[in-house]
């Protein structure tokens, strides 16, 4: 049985993975229900988030077997994938924000609900990104 040493950096990475997972779930739920149910779902945030989570989990699990450079490259690639997910998520919700906040006349309540729930998802993506930035400053074992 393999024993894995748990470090602060690994815990931060796992928190980032959990936050990204929550953000992705919120993206999927807001994209297929409510006001946005009739619009096409952009698959790229989901694809990029899944790739990010796989890279980060592999970096945590196989940390002792990989060179520090490989681990850092996996973390950087995961960060880029998460940033791409964040970009597509936010850009997909810009029209909602425009309708609700900048043209606040006669928009359906479901549109405001979709926007506010999406903002929660964006916050989880930001938490994940911040955790990965903080992880980059952790001392490696």
N, C-alpha and C. Protein backbone atom coordinates (compact mmCIF):
# COMPACT_ATOMS: atom_id res chain seq x y z
N UNK A 1 0.84 -1.18 0.00
CA UNK A 1 0.00 0.00 0.00
C UNK A 1 0.88 1.23 0.00
N UNK A 2 0.48 2.21 -0.80
CA UNK A 2 1.27 3.42 -0.94
C UNK A 2 0.90 4.41 0.16
N UNK A 3 1.95 4.96 0.80
CA UNK A 3 1.72 5.99 1.81
C UNK A 3 2.06 7.34 1.18
N UNK A 4 1.17 8.28 1.38
CA UNK A 4 1.37 9.60 0.81
C UNK A 4 1.53 10.60 1.95
N UNK A 5 2.58 11.41 1.83
CA UNK A 5 2.82 12.44 2.82
C UNK A 5 1.93 13.65 2.51
N UNK A 6 1.10 14.04 3.46
CA UNK A 6 0.21 15.17 3.28
C UNK A 6 0.94 16.44 3.72
N UNK A 7 1.05 17.38 2.80
CA UNK A 7 1.69 18.65 3.10
C UNK A 7 0.67 19.78 2.96
N UNK A 8 1.06 20.96 3.41
CA UNK A 8 0.18 22.12 3.27
C UNK A 8 -0.14 22.42 1.82
N UNK A 9 0.86 22.25 0.95
CA UNK A 9 0.65 22.52 -0.47
C UNK A 9 -0.37 21.54 -1.06
N UNK A 10 -0.33 20.29 -0.64
CA UNK A 10 -1.29 19.30 -1.15
C UNK A 10 -2.70 19.62 -0.67
N UNK A 11 -2.82 20.06 0.57
CA UNK A 11 -4.13 20.42 1.11
C UNK A 11 -4.70 21.61 0.34
N UNK A 12 -3.86 22.60 0.05
CA UNK A 12 -4.31 23.76 -0.71
C UNK A 12 -4.74 23.34 -2.11
N UNK A 13 -4.00 22.44 -2.72
CA UNK A 13 -4.36 21.96 -4.06
C UNK A 13 -5.68 21.22 -4.02
N UNK A 14 -5.89 20.40 -3.01
CA UNK A 14 -7.16 19.67 -2.90
C UNK A 14 -8.35 20.61 -2.65
N UNK A 15 -8.12 21.69 -1.90
CA UNK A 15 -9.17 22.70 -1.72
C UNK A 15 -9.48 23.36 -3.06
N UNK A 16 -8.44 23.62 -3.85
CA UNK A 16 -8.64 24.22 -5.18
C UNK A 16 -9.45 23.28 -6.07
N UNK A 17 -9.16 21.99 -6.01
CA UNK A 17 -9.91 21.01 -6.81
C UNK A 17 -11.37 20.98 -6.37
N UNK A 18 -11.61 20.99 -5.06
CA UNK A 18 -12.98 20.96 -4.55
C UNK A 18 -13.75 22.22 -4.97
N UNK A 19 -13.11 23.37 -4.89
CA UNK A 19 -13.77 24.62 -5.29
C UNK A 19 -14.06 24.63 -6.79
N UNK A 20 -13.13 24.10 -7.59
CA UNK A 20 -13.36 24.02 -9.04
C UNK A 20 -14.52 23.08 -9.34
N UNK A 21 -14.61 21.98 -8.61
CA UNK A 21 -15.71 21.04 -8.81
C UNK A 21 -17.06 21.71 -8.51
N UNK A 22 -17.13 22.44 -7.41
CA UNK A 22 -18.37 23.14 -7.05
C UNK A 22 -18.71 24.18 -8.12
N UNK A 23 -17.70 24.94 -8.56
CA UNK A 23 -17.94 25.93 -9.61
C UNK A 23 -18.45 25.29 -10.90
N UNK A 24 -17.88 24.15 -11.27
CA UNK A 24 -18.31 23.45 -12.48
C UNK A 24 -19.74 22.93 -12.33
N UNK A 25 -20.08 22.40 -11.18
CA UNK A 25 -21.45 21.92 -10.95
C UNK A 25 -22.44 23.08 -11.06
N UNK A 26 -22.10 24.22 -10.49
CA UNK A 26 -22.98 25.38 -10.58
C UNK A 26 -23.10 25.83 -12.04
N UNK A 27 -21.99 25.79 -12.78
CA UNK A 27 -22.06 26.15 -14.20
C UNK A 27 -23.02 25.22 -14.95
N UNK A 28 -22.89 23.93 -14.72
CA UNK A 28 -23.75 22.97 -15.41
C UNK A 28 -25.21 23.17 -15.03
N UNK A 29 -25.48 23.34 -13.73
CA UNK A 29 -26.86 23.50 -13.27
C UNK A 29 -27.48 24.77 -13.85
N UNK A 30 -26.75 25.88 -13.81
CA UNK A 30 -27.32 27.13 -14.34
C UNK A 30 -27.44 27.10 -15.86
N UNK A 31 -26.66 26.27 -16.52
CA UNK A 31 -26.70 26.22 -17.98
C UNK A 31 -27.85 25.36 -18.51
N UNK A 32 -28.30 24.40 -17.74
CA UNK A 32 -29.33 23.48 -18.25
C UNK A 32 -30.68 23.63 -17.56
N UNK A 33 -30.79 24.55 -16.62
CA UNK A 33 -32.07 24.75 -15.93
C UNK A 33 -32.44 26.23 -15.96
N UNK A 34 -33.65 26.51 -15.62
CA UNK A 34 -34.11 27.88 -15.47
C UNK A 34 -34.06 28.69 -16.75
N UNK A 35 -33.64 29.92 -16.62
CA UNK A 35 -33.65 30.87 -17.73
C UNK A 35 -32.78 30.42 -18.90
N UNK A 36 -31.65 29.78 -18.61
CA UNK A 36 -30.70 29.38 -19.67
C UNK A 36 -30.98 27.99 -20.24
N UNK A 37 -32.06 27.36 -19.82
CA UNK A 37 -32.34 25.99 -20.26
C UNK A 37 -32.54 25.90 -21.77
N UNK A 38 -33.02 26.95 -22.39
CA UNK A 38 -33.29 26.91 -23.83
C UNK A 38 -32.07 27.26 -24.67
N UNK A 39 -31.00 27.74 -24.05
CA UNK A 39 -29.80 28.12 -24.80
C UNK A 39 -28.82 26.96 -24.86
N UNK A 40 -27.93 27.03 -25.84
CA UNK A 40 -26.92 25.98 -25.99
C UNK A 40 -25.87 26.09 -24.88
N UNK A 41 -25.42 24.96 -24.40
CA UNK A 41 -24.41 24.92 -23.35
C UNK A 41 -23.03 24.87 -23.98
N UNK A 42 -22.15 25.77 -23.54
CA UNK A 42 -20.77 25.76 -24.00
C UNK A 42 -20.04 24.65 -23.23
N UNK A 43 -19.51 23.63 -23.92
CA UNK A 43 -18.87 22.53 -23.21
C UNK A 43 -17.47 22.85 -22.70
N UNK A 44 -16.85 23.92 -23.18
CA UNK A 44 -15.45 24.18 -22.84
C UNK A 44 -15.19 24.42 -21.36
N UNK A 45 -16.04 25.13 -20.62
CA UNK A 45 -15.76 25.25 -19.19
C UNK A 45 -15.73 23.90 -18.47
N UNK A 46 -16.63 23.00 -18.86
CA UNK A 46 -16.67 21.67 -18.23
C UNK A 46 -15.43 20.87 -18.61
N UNK A 47 -15.08 20.88 -19.89
CA UNK A 47 -13.92 20.12 -20.37
C UNK A 47 -12.65 20.63 -19.70
N UNK A 48 -12.46 21.94 -19.70
CA UNK A 48 -11.25 22.51 -19.12
C UNK A 48 -11.17 22.29 -17.62
N UNK A 49 -12.32 22.35 -16.93
CA UNK A 49 -12.31 22.12 -15.49
C UNK A 49 -11.98 20.67 -15.17
N UNK A 50 -12.52 19.74 -15.93
CA UNK A 50 -12.23 18.32 -15.71
C UNK A 50 -10.74 18.04 -15.96
N UNK A 51 -10.20 18.59 -17.03
CA UNK A 51 -8.76 18.40 -17.31
C UNK A 51 -7.93 19.01 -16.18
N UNK A 52 -8.33 20.19 -15.72
CA UNK A 52 -7.63 20.83 -14.61
C UNK A 52 -7.65 19.95 -13.36
N UNK A 53 -8.82 19.44 -13.02
CA UNK A 53 -8.92 18.61 -11.82
C UNK A 53 -8.09 17.34 -11.95
N UNK A 54 -8.08 16.73 -13.12
CA UNK A 54 -7.27 15.53 -13.33
C UNK A 54 -5.78 15.83 -13.20
N UNK A 55 -5.34 16.95 -13.78
CA UNK A 55 -3.93 17.34 -13.66
C UNK A 55 -3.54 17.59 -12.21
N UNK A 56 -4.39 18.33 -11.49
CA UNK A 56 -4.07 18.65 -10.10
C UNK A 56 -4.08 17.43 -9.21
N UNK A 57 -5.07 16.56 -9.41
CA UNK A 57 -5.12 15.33 -8.61
C UNK A 57 -3.93 14.42 -8.92
N UNK A 58 -3.54 14.34 -10.19
CA UNK A 58 -2.37 13.54 -10.55
C UNK A 58 -1.11 14.14 -9.92
N UNK A 59 -1.02 15.46 -9.90
CA UNK A 59 0.15 16.10 -9.29
C UNK A 59 0.22 15.82 -7.79
N UNK A 60 -0.93 15.77 -7.13
CA UNK A 60 -0.95 15.49 -5.70
C UNK A 60 -0.64 14.03 -5.43
N UNK A 61 -1.27 13.14 -6.16
CA UNK A 61 -1.13 11.70 -5.90
C UNK A 61 0.25 11.20 -6.28
N UNK A 62 0.77 11.66 -7.41
CA UNK A 62 2.05 11.13 -7.91
C UNK A 62 3.23 12.06 -7.60
N UNK A 63 3.08 12.91 -6.60
CA UNK A 63 4.09 13.91 -6.29
C UNK A 63 5.47 13.30 -6.02
N UNK A 64 5.52 12.21 -5.27
CA UNK A 64 6.80 11.60 -4.93
C UNK A 64 7.46 10.93 -6.14
N UNK A 65 6.66 10.51 -7.12
CA UNK A 65 7.18 9.79 -8.27
C UNK A 65 7.60 10.72 -9.41
N UNK A 66 7.15 11.96 -9.37
CA UNK A 66 7.44 12.90 -10.45
C UNK A 66 8.55 13.85 -10.04
N UNK A 67 9.24 14.38 -11.03
CA UNK A 67 10.25 15.40 -10.73
C UNK A 67 9.55 16.69 -10.34
N UNK A 68 10.22 17.54 -9.57
CA UNK A 68 9.60 18.81 -9.19
C UNK A 68 9.19 19.66 -10.40
N UNK A 69 9.98 19.60 -11.48
CA UNK A 69 9.65 20.34 -12.68
C UNK A 69 8.35 19.83 -13.30
N UNK A 70 8.19 18.52 -13.36
CA UNK A 70 6.97 17.94 -13.92
C UNK A 70 5.75 18.31 -13.08
N UNK A 71 5.90 18.26 -11.78
CA UNK A 71 4.80 18.64 -10.89
C UNK A 71 4.43 20.10 -11.09
N UNK A 72 5.43 20.97 -11.18
CA UNK A 72 5.16 22.39 -11.40
C UNK A 72 4.51 22.63 -12.75
N UNK A 73 4.93 21.91 -13.77
CA UNK A 73 4.31 22.06 -15.09
C UNK A 73 2.86 21.58 -15.08
N UNK A 74 2.59 20.51 -14.36
CA UNK A 74 1.21 20.03 -14.24
C UNK A 74 0.35 21.05 -13.50
N UNK A 75 0.90 21.65 -12.46
CA UNK A 75 0.17 22.67 -11.71
C UNK A 75 -0.09 23.90 -12.59
N UNK A 76 0.90 24.30 -13.36
CA UNK A 76 0.74 25.46 -14.23
C UNK A 76 -0.29 25.17 -15.33
N UNK A 77 -0.24 23.98 -15.91
CA UNK A 77 -1.21 23.62 -16.93
C UNK A 77 -2.62 23.57 -16.34
N UNK A 78 -2.74 23.05 -15.13
CA UNK A 78 -4.03 23.03 -14.45
C UNK A 78 -4.56 24.44 -14.20
N UNK A 79 -3.65 25.34 -13.82
CA UNK A 79 -4.05 26.73 -13.59
C UNK A 79 -4.56 27.37 -14.88
N UNK A 80 -3.85 27.13 -15.98
CA UNK A 80 -4.27 27.69 -17.27
C UNK A 80 -5.63 27.13 -17.68
N UNK A 81 -5.83 25.84 -17.50
CA UNK A 81 -7.12 25.24 -17.85
C UNK A 81 -8.25 25.84 -16.99
N UNK A 82 -7.97 26.06 -15.72
CA UNK A 82 -8.97 26.66 -14.84
C UNK A 82 -9.26 28.10 -15.25
N UNK A 83 -8.23 28.82 -15.66
CA UNK A 83 -8.40 30.19 -16.12
C UNK A 83 -9.26 30.25 -17.39
N UNK A 84 -9.04 29.30 -18.29
CA UNK A 84 -9.86 29.22 -19.50
C UNK A 84 -11.32 28.92 -19.13
N UNK A 85 -11.53 28.02 -18.19
CA UNK A 85 -12.89 27.71 -17.72
C UNK A 85 -13.56 28.96 -17.14
N UNK A 86 -12.82 29.66 -16.31
CA UNK A 86 -13.32 30.89 -15.70
C UNK A 86 -13.71 31.90 -16.78
N UNK A 87 -12.86 32.06 -17.78
CA UNK A 87 -13.12 33.00 -18.87
C UNK A 87 -14.43 32.66 -19.60
N UNK A 88 -14.57 31.40 -20.01
CA UNK A 88 -15.78 31.01 -20.74
C UNK A 88 -17.03 31.12 -19.87
N UNK A 89 -16.91 30.80 -18.59
CA UNK A 89 -18.05 30.92 -17.68
C UNK A 89 -18.49 32.38 -17.59
N UNK A 90 -17.54 33.26 -17.31
CA UNK A 90 -17.87 34.69 -17.16
C UNK A 90 -18.40 35.28 -18.46
N UNK A 91 -17.73 34.99 -19.56
CA UNK A 91 -18.16 35.57 -20.84
C UNK A 91 -19.54 35.05 -21.26
N UNK A 92 -19.88 33.85 -20.85
CA UNK A 92 -21.20 33.32 -21.15
C UNK A 92 -22.31 33.96 -20.34
N UNK A 93 -21.94 34.64 -19.26
CA UNK A 93 -22.95 35.27 -18.40
C UNK A 93 -22.97 36.79 -18.51
N UNK A 94 -22.17 37.36 -19.40
CA UNK A 94 -22.11 38.82 -19.55
C UNK A 94 -23.46 39.37 -19.99
N UNK A 95 -24.14 38.69 -20.89
CA UNK A 95 -25.44 39.18 -21.35
C UNK A 95 -26.46 39.20 -20.21
N UNK A 96 -26.37 38.24 -19.30
CA UNK A 96 -27.27 38.25 -18.14
C UNK A 96 -27.00 39.48 -17.27
N UNK A 97 -25.72 39.74 -17.01
CA UNK A 97 -25.36 40.89 -16.18
C UNK A 97 -25.79 42.19 -16.86
N UNK A 98 -25.64 42.26 -18.17
CA UNK A 98 -26.05 43.47 -18.89
C UNK A 98 -27.55 43.69 -18.77
N UNK A 99 -28.31 42.63 -18.93
CA UNK A 99 -29.77 42.76 -18.84
C UNK A 99 -30.24 43.13 -17.43
N UNK A 100 -29.62 42.50 -16.44
CA UNK A 100 -30.09 42.69 -15.06
C UNK A 100 -29.58 43.99 -14.45
N UNK A 101 -28.30 44.31 -14.65
CA UNK A 101 -27.72 45.45 -13.95
C UNK A 101 -27.67 46.73 -14.78
N UNK A 102 -27.51 46.62 -16.09
CA UNK A 102 -27.32 47.82 -16.89
C UNK A 102 -28.56 48.22 -17.68
N UNK A 103 -29.47 47.29 -17.91
CA UNK A 103 -30.73 47.58 -18.57
C UNK A 103 -31.84 47.00 -17.68
N UNK A 104 -32.01 47.56 -16.50
CA UNK A 104 -32.92 46.94 -15.53
C UNK A 104 -34.40 47.24 -15.79
N UNK A 105 -34.86 46.92 -17.00
CA UNK A 105 -36.26 47.14 -17.34
C UNK A 105 -36.83 45.85 -17.93
N UNK A 106 -37.85 45.35 -17.31
CA UNK A 106 -38.62 44.22 -17.84
C UNK A 106 -37.80 42.96 -18.11
N UNK A 107 -36.91 42.59 -17.24
CA UNK A 107 -36.25 41.29 -17.39
C UNK A 107 -36.97 40.29 -16.50
N UNK A 108 -37.02 39.04 -16.94
CA UNK A 108 -37.70 38.02 -16.12
C UNK A 108 -36.92 37.74 -14.83
N UNK A 109 -37.64 37.38 -13.80
CA UNK A 109 -37.01 37.06 -12.50
C UNK A 109 -36.06 35.87 -12.63
N UNK A 110 -36.38 34.95 -13.53
CA UNK A 110 -35.51 33.78 -13.72
C UNK A 110 -34.14 34.20 -14.25
N UNK A 111 -34.08 35.28 -15.01
CA UNK A 111 -32.80 35.77 -15.52
C UNK A 111 -31.93 36.28 -14.38
N UNK A 112 -32.53 37.02 -13.45
CA UNK A 112 -31.77 37.51 -12.29
C UNK A 112 -31.31 36.34 -11.42
N UNK A 113 -32.15 35.35 -11.27
CA UNK A 113 -31.78 34.18 -10.47
C UNK A 113 -30.61 33.45 -11.12
N UNK A 114 -30.67 33.26 -12.43
CA UNK A 114 -29.57 32.59 -13.14
C UNK A 114 -28.28 33.38 -12.98
N UNK A 115 -28.37 34.70 -13.05
CA UNK A 115 -27.18 35.53 -12.88
C UNK A 115 -26.60 35.40 -11.48
N UNK A 116 -27.45 35.49 -10.47
CA UNK A 116 -26.95 35.46 -9.09
C UNK A 116 -26.37 34.10 -8.71
N UNK A 117 -26.97 33.04 -9.18
CA UNK A 117 -26.40 31.71 -8.92
C UNK A 117 -25.09 31.56 -9.69
N UNK A 118 -25.03 32.11 -10.90
CA UNK A 118 -23.79 32.06 -11.67
C UNK A 118 -22.67 32.83 -10.99
N UNK A 119 -23.02 33.93 -10.34
CA UNK A 119 -22.00 34.70 -9.61
C UNK A 119 -21.40 33.85 -8.50
N UNK A 120 -22.21 33.04 -7.84
CA UNK A 120 -21.70 32.13 -6.81
C UNK A 120 -20.72 31.13 -7.45
N UNK A 121 -21.06 30.60 -8.62
CA UNK A 121 -20.15 29.70 -9.32
C UNK A 121 -18.84 30.37 -9.70
N UNK A 122 -18.92 31.60 -10.15
CA UNK A 122 -17.71 32.36 -10.50
C UNK A 122 -16.85 32.56 -9.27
N UNK A 123 -17.47 32.82 -8.13
CA UNK A 123 -16.71 32.99 -6.88
C UNK A 123 -15.96 31.70 -6.53
N UNK A 124 -16.60 30.55 -6.74
CA UNK A 124 -15.90 29.30 -6.47
C UNK A 124 -14.71 29.11 -7.42
N UNK A 125 -14.87 29.48 -8.68
CA UNK A 125 -13.73 29.44 -9.60
C UNK A 125 -12.63 30.37 -9.13
N UNK A 126 -12.99 31.57 -8.66
CA UNK A 126 -11.97 32.51 -8.15
C UNK A 126 -11.26 31.94 -6.92
N UNK A 127 -12.01 31.32 -6.03
CA UNK A 127 -11.40 30.69 -4.85
C UNK A 127 -10.39 29.64 -5.30
N UNK A 128 -10.77 28.84 -6.28
CA UNK A 128 -9.86 27.81 -6.78
C UNK A 128 -8.60 28.42 -7.38
N UNK A 129 -8.77 29.47 -8.17
CA UNK A 129 -7.60 30.14 -8.76
C UNK A 129 -6.70 30.74 -7.69
N UNK A 130 -7.30 31.36 -6.68
CA UNK A 130 -6.51 31.95 -5.60
C UNK A 130 -5.77 30.87 -4.83
N UNK A 131 -6.41 29.74 -4.59
CA UNK A 131 -5.73 28.63 -3.90
C UNK A 131 -4.53 28.14 -4.70
N UNK A 132 -4.68 28.06 -6.02
CA UNK A 132 -3.56 27.61 -6.85
C UNK A 132 -2.43 28.63 -6.86
N UNK A 133 -2.76 29.90 -6.82
CA UNK A 133 -1.71 30.93 -6.72
C UNK A 133 -1.01 30.80 -5.39
N UNK A 134 -1.77 30.62 -4.31
CA UNK A 134 -1.17 30.45 -2.99
C UNK A 134 -0.31 29.18 -2.95
N UNK A 135 -0.76 28.14 -3.62
CA UNK A 135 0.01 26.89 -3.67
C UNK A 135 1.35 27.09 -4.36
N UNK A 136 1.39 27.98 -5.32
CA UNK A 136 2.64 28.25 -6.02
C UNK A 136 3.71 28.86 -5.12
N UNK A 137 3.28 29.48 -4.01
CA UNK A 137 4.22 30.09 -3.09
C UNK A 137 4.57 29.20 -1.90
N UNK A 138 4.02 28.00 -1.87
CA UNK A 138 4.32 27.06 -0.79
C UNK A 138 5.69 26.44 -1.01
N UNK A 139 6.36 26.18 0.08
CA UNK A 139 7.65 25.50 0.00
C UNK A 139 7.42 24.05 -0.37
N UNK A 140 8.13 23.61 -1.38
CA UNK A 140 7.99 22.21 -1.81
C UNK A 140 8.87 21.33 -0.93
N UNK A 141 8.38 20.13 -0.66
CA UNK A 141 9.11 19.20 0.22
C UNK A 141 10.35 18.68 -0.44
